[in-house]
């Protein structure tokens, strides 16, 4: 398992580390799994990773509102209305 800090930009050394780890996994079926955020930063290295035959799967980022979208929308609208009134905007 490789971990990198949040907002990390991948260096050539990082790519070599990923390659070395991938090539040394003792399993028949292997793939790199990453988040959408990291996939965006890995995109500039897509050609290199492809040449190395390293498949990458991207986990999509999903947002789920616990109280539902309608309640969220109402809370945002209420906040904006209140702020607008307090600032005397028309």
N, C-alpha and C. Protein backbone atom coordinates (compact mmCIF):
# COMPACT_ATOMS: atom_id res chain seq x y z
N UNK A 1 0.85 -1.18 0.00
CA UNK A 1 0.00 0.00 0.00
C UNK A 1 0.89 1.24 0.00
N UNK A 2 0.69 2.09 -0.97
CA UNK A 2 1.44 3.34 -1.04
C UNK A 2 0.52 4.48 -0.65
N UNK A 3 1.03 5.38 0.15
CA UNK A 3 0.25 6.55 0.57
C UNK A 3 1.06 7.80 0.30
N UNK A 4 0.35 8.81 -0.18
CA UNK A 4 0.97 10.11 -0.44
C UNK A 4 0.12 11.18 0.23
N UNK A 5 0.73 12.30 0.61
CA UNK A 5 -0.03 13.36 1.27
C UNK A 5 -1.11 13.93 0.36
N UNK A 6 -2.09 14.54 0.96
CA UNK A 6 -3.16 15.21 0.21
C UNK A 6 -2.53 16.31 -0.65
N UNK A 7 -3.05 16.50 -1.83
CA UNK A 7 -2.59 17.52 -2.79
C UNK A 7 -1.16 17.25 -3.28
N UNK A 8 -0.75 16.00 -3.25
CA UNK A 8 0.59 15.61 -3.64
C UNK A 8 0.74 15.59 -5.16
N UNK A 9 1.81 16.18 -5.65
CA UNK A 9 2.13 16.10 -7.08
C UNK A 9 3.19 15.03 -7.26
N UNK A 10 2.91 14.08 -8.12
CA UNK A 10 3.74 12.91 -8.29
C UNK A 10 5.01 13.23 -9.07
N UNK A 11 6.12 12.80 -8.49
CA UNK A 11 7.44 13.01 -9.09
C UNK A 11 7.86 11.75 -9.85
N UNK A 12 8.96 11.87 -10.56
CA UNK A 12 9.52 10.71 -11.25
C UNK A 12 9.85 9.61 -10.25
N UNK A 13 10.38 9.99 -9.09
CA UNK A 13 10.67 9.00 -8.04
C UNK A 13 9.42 8.29 -7.56
N UNK A 14 8.31 9.05 -7.43
CA UNK A 14 7.05 8.44 -7.02
C UNK A 14 6.58 7.42 -8.05
N UNK A 15 6.72 7.79 -9.33
CA UNK A 15 6.31 6.87 -10.39
C UNK A 15 7.14 5.60 -10.36
N UNK A 16 8.43 5.75 -10.13
CA UNK A 16 9.30 4.57 -10.03
C UNK A 16 8.90 3.71 -8.84
N UNK A 17 8.51 4.35 -7.75
CA UNK A 17 8.05 3.62 -6.56
C UNK A 17 6.76 2.85 -6.87
N UNK A 18 5.85 3.50 -7.57
CA UNK A 18 4.60 2.85 -7.97
C UNK A 18 4.91 1.66 -8.88
N UNK A 19 5.80 1.88 -9.85
CA UNK A 19 6.18 0.81 -10.79
C UNK A 19 6.81 -0.37 -10.04
N UNK A 20 7.75 -0.08 -9.17
CA UNK A 20 8.44 -1.12 -8.41
C UNK A 20 7.44 -1.92 -7.55
N UNK A 21 6.56 -1.21 -6.88
CA UNK A 21 5.55 -1.87 -6.04
C UNK A 21 4.63 -2.74 -6.89
N UNK A 22 4.17 -2.19 -8.00
CA UNK A 22 3.28 -2.93 -8.89
C UNK A 22 3.96 -4.20 -9.42
N UNK A 23 5.18 -4.07 -9.89
CA UNK A 23 5.88 -5.21 -10.47
C UNK A 23 6.22 -6.28 -9.44
N UNK A 24 6.30 -5.92 -8.17
CA UNK A 24 6.67 -6.87 -7.14
C UNK A 24 5.49 -7.44 -6.35
N UNK A 25 4.28 -7.09 -6.72
CA UNK A 25 3.12 -7.72 -6.09
C UNK A 25 3.07 -9.17 -6.53
N UNK A 26 2.90 -10.04 -5.59
CA UNK A 26 2.86 -11.46 -5.88
C UNK A 26 1.41 -11.92 -6.06
N UNK A 27 0.83 -11.50 -7.16
CA UNK A 27 -0.55 -11.88 -7.48
C UNK A 27 -0.71 -11.85 -8.99
N UNK A 28 -1.65 -12.63 -9.48
CA UNK A 28 -1.85 -12.70 -10.93
C UNK A 28 -2.60 -11.51 -11.48
N UNK A 29 -3.58 -11.04 -10.75
CA UNK A 29 -4.42 -9.94 -11.22
C UNK A 29 -4.17 -8.73 -10.33
N UNK A 30 -3.67 -7.67 -10.91
CA UNK A 30 -3.36 -6.49 -10.11
C UNK A 30 -3.72 -5.21 -10.84
N UNK A 31 -4.03 -4.19 -10.06
CA UNK A 31 -4.44 -2.90 -10.59
C UNK A 31 -4.15 -1.84 -9.52
N UNK A 32 -3.89 -0.63 -9.95
CA UNK A 32 -3.71 0.50 -9.04
C UNK A 32 -5.07 1.18 -8.89
N UNK A 33 -5.46 1.43 -7.66
CA UNK A 33 -6.72 2.12 -7.37
C UNK A 33 -6.39 3.47 -6.76
N UNK A 34 -7.01 4.51 -7.29
CA UNK A 34 -6.75 5.86 -6.79
C UNK A 34 -8.04 6.67 -6.78
N UNK A 35 -8.02 7.79 -6.09
CA UNK A 35 -9.17 8.68 -6.05
C UNK A 35 -9.18 9.57 -7.30
N UNK A 36 -10.29 10.22 -7.55
CA UNK A 36 -10.38 11.15 -8.68
C UNK A 36 -9.37 12.28 -8.54
N UNK A 37 -9.19 12.77 -7.32
CA UNK A 37 -8.24 13.86 -7.10
C UNK A 37 -6.82 13.45 -7.50
N UNK A 38 -6.39 12.28 -7.05
CA UNK A 38 -5.05 11.83 -7.38
C UNK A 38 -4.95 11.43 -8.85
N UNK A 39 -6.02 10.91 -9.40
CA UNK A 39 -6.02 10.55 -10.82
C UNK A 39 -5.78 11.78 -11.69
N UNK A 40 -6.32 12.91 -11.27
CA UNK A 40 -6.10 14.15 -12.03
C UNK A 40 -4.62 14.52 -12.02
N UNK A 41 -3.95 14.30 -10.89
CA UNK A 41 -2.53 14.63 -10.82
C UNK A 41 -1.67 13.56 -11.51
N UNK A 42 -2.19 12.34 -11.59
CA UNK A 42 -1.47 11.28 -12.30
C UNK A 42 -1.65 11.39 -13.81
N UNK A 43 -2.65 12.13 -14.24
CA UNK A 43 -2.98 12.22 -15.67
C UNK A 43 -1.80 12.67 -16.52
N UNK A 44 -0.97 13.54 -15.98
CA UNK A 44 0.18 14.01 -16.77
C UNK A 44 1.21 12.90 -16.98
N UNK A 45 1.08 11.82 -16.20
CA UNK A 45 1.99 10.68 -16.32
C UNK A 45 1.30 9.48 -16.99
N UNK A 46 0.13 9.71 -17.55
CA UNK A 46 -0.68 8.62 -18.13
C UNK A 46 0.10 7.83 -19.16
N UNK A 47 0.82 8.51 -20.03
CA UNK A 47 1.56 7.83 -21.10
C UNK A 47 2.63 6.90 -20.51
N UNK A 48 3.35 7.38 -19.53
CA UNK A 48 4.39 6.57 -18.89
C UNK A 48 3.78 5.34 -18.22
N UNK A 49 2.72 5.55 -17.45
CA UNK A 49 2.07 4.43 -16.76
C UNK A 49 1.52 3.42 -17.76
N UNK A 50 1.00 3.92 -18.87
CA UNK A 50 0.47 3.04 -19.91
C UNK A 50 1.60 2.22 -20.55
N UNK A 51 2.71 2.88 -20.83
CA UNK A 51 3.87 2.18 -21.41
C UNK A 51 4.36 1.06 -20.48
N UNK A 52 4.26 1.30 -19.19
CA UNK A 52 4.68 0.31 -18.20
C UNK A 52 3.63 -0.79 -18.01
N UNK A 53 2.44 -0.61 -18.62
CA UNK A 53 1.38 -1.61 -18.49
C UNK A 53 0.73 -1.63 -17.13
N UNK A 54 0.69 -0.48 -16.49
CA UNK A 54 0.09 -0.38 -15.16
C UNK A 54 -1.34 0.15 -15.30
N UNK A 55 -2.33 -0.71 -15.07
CA UNK A 55 -3.72 -0.26 -15.15
C UNK A 55 -4.11 0.53 -13.90
N UNK A 56 -4.85 1.60 -14.10
CA UNK A 56 -5.29 2.43 -12.98
C UNK A 56 -6.81 2.51 -13.00
N UNK A 57 -7.41 2.25 -11.85
CA UNK A 57 -8.85 2.35 -11.67
C UNK A 57 -9.11 3.56 -10.77
N UNK A 58 -10.08 4.36 -11.13
CA UNK A 58 -10.37 5.58 -10.39
C UNK A 58 -11.66 5.41 -9.59
N UNK A 59 -11.57 5.68 -8.28
CA UNK A 59 -12.74 5.68 -7.42
C UNK A 59 -13.40 7.05 -7.52
N UNK A 60 -14.65 7.10 -7.96
CA UNK A 60 -15.30 8.41 -8.07
C UNK A 60 -15.60 8.99 -6.69
N UNK A 61 -15.55 10.30 -6.62
CA UNK A 61 -15.92 11.00 -5.40
C UNK A 61 -17.43 11.23 -5.46
N UNK A 62 -18.12 10.84 -4.42
CA UNK A 62 -19.57 11.00 -4.38
C UNK A 62 -19.97 11.73 -3.11
N UNK A 63 -20.96 12.57 -3.23
CA UNK A 63 -21.48 13.31 -2.09
C UNK A 63 -22.90 12.84 -1.84
N UNK A 64 -23.15 12.49 -0.61
CA UNK A 64 -24.50 12.09 -0.23
C UNK A 64 -24.91 12.93 0.96
N UNK A 65 -26.01 13.64 0.83
CA UNK A 65 -26.49 14.50 1.91
C UNK A 65 -27.37 13.67 2.85
N UNK A 66 -27.04 13.69 4.12
CA UNK A 66 -27.75 12.86 5.09
C UNK A 66 -29.22 13.24 5.21
N UNK A 67 -29.52 14.52 5.11
CA UNK A 67 -30.91 14.97 5.27
C UNK A 67 -31.60 15.22 3.93
N UNK A 68 -30.97 14.85 2.86
CA UNK A 68 -31.58 15.00 1.54
C UNK A 68 -31.28 16.35 0.91
N UNK A 69 -31.40 16.38 -0.41
CA UNK A 69 -31.08 17.60 -1.15
C UNK A 69 -32.07 18.72 -0.90
N UNK A 70 -33.35 18.39 -0.73
CA UNK A 70 -34.36 19.43 -0.53
C UNK A 70 -34.08 20.23 0.74
N UNK A 71 -33.79 19.53 1.83
CA UNK A 71 -33.50 20.22 3.09
C UNK A 71 -32.21 21.04 2.96
N UNK A 72 -31.22 20.52 2.29
CA UNK A 72 -29.97 21.25 2.08
C UNK A 72 -30.24 22.53 1.29
N UNK A 73 -30.99 22.41 0.19
CA UNK A 73 -31.31 23.57 -0.63
C UNK A 73 -32.06 24.63 0.18
N UNK A 74 -32.97 24.18 1.02
CA UNK A 74 -33.74 25.11 1.86
C UNK A 74 -32.84 25.82 2.86
N UNK A 75 -31.90 25.08 3.44
CA UNK A 75 -30.97 25.69 4.41
C UNK A 75 -30.09 26.73 3.73
N UNK A 76 -29.59 26.43 2.55
CA UNK A 76 -28.74 27.38 1.82
C UNK A 76 -29.54 28.61 1.44
N UNK A 77 -30.75 28.43 0.94
CA UNK A 77 -31.61 29.56 0.56
C UNK A 77 -31.94 30.42 1.77
N UNK A 78 -32.24 29.79 2.89
CA UNK A 78 -32.53 30.52 4.13
C UNK A 78 -31.33 31.33 4.57
N UNK A 79 -30.16 30.75 4.52
CA UNK A 79 -28.93 31.46 4.91
C UNK A 79 -28.69 32.66 4.00
N UNK A 80 -28.82 32.46 2.71
CA UNK A 80 -28.59 33.55 1.75
C UNK A 80 -29.60 34.66 1.97
N UNK A 81 -30.86 34.30 2.18
CA UNK A 81 -31.90 35.29 2.41
C UNK A 81 -31.60 36.10 3.67
N UNK A 82 -31.21 35.43 4.73
CA UNK A 82 -30.88 36.09 6.00
C UNK A 82 -29.70 37.04 5.81
N UNK A 83 -28.63 36.57 5.16
CA UNK A 83 -27.46 37.40 4.93
C UNK A 83 -27.80 38.61 4.06
N UNK A 84 -28.62 38.39 3.08
CA UNK A 84 -29.03 39.46 2.18
C UNK A 84 -29.78 40.54 2.95
N UNK A 85 -30.69 40.11 3.83
CA UNK A 85 -31.47 41.05 4.63
C UNK A 85 -30.58 41.82 5.60
N UNK A 86 -29.63 41.13 6.22
CA UNK A 86 -28.74 41.80 7.18
C UNK A 86 -27.80 42.77 6.51
N UNK A 87 -27.50 42.57 5.24
CA UNK A 87 -26.61 43.46 4.52
C UNK A 87 -27.38 44.52 3.74
N UNK A 88 -28.70 44.46 3.86
CA UNK A 88 -29.59 45.44 3.20
C UNK A 88 -29.46 45.43 1.68
N UNK A 89 -29.27 44.25 1.12
CA UNK A 89 -29.28 44.14 -0.34
C UNK A 89 -30.72 43.96 -0.80
N UNK A 90 -31.02 44.52 -1.95
CA UNK A 90 -32.37 44.33 -2.52
C UNK A 90 -32.33 43.38 -3.68
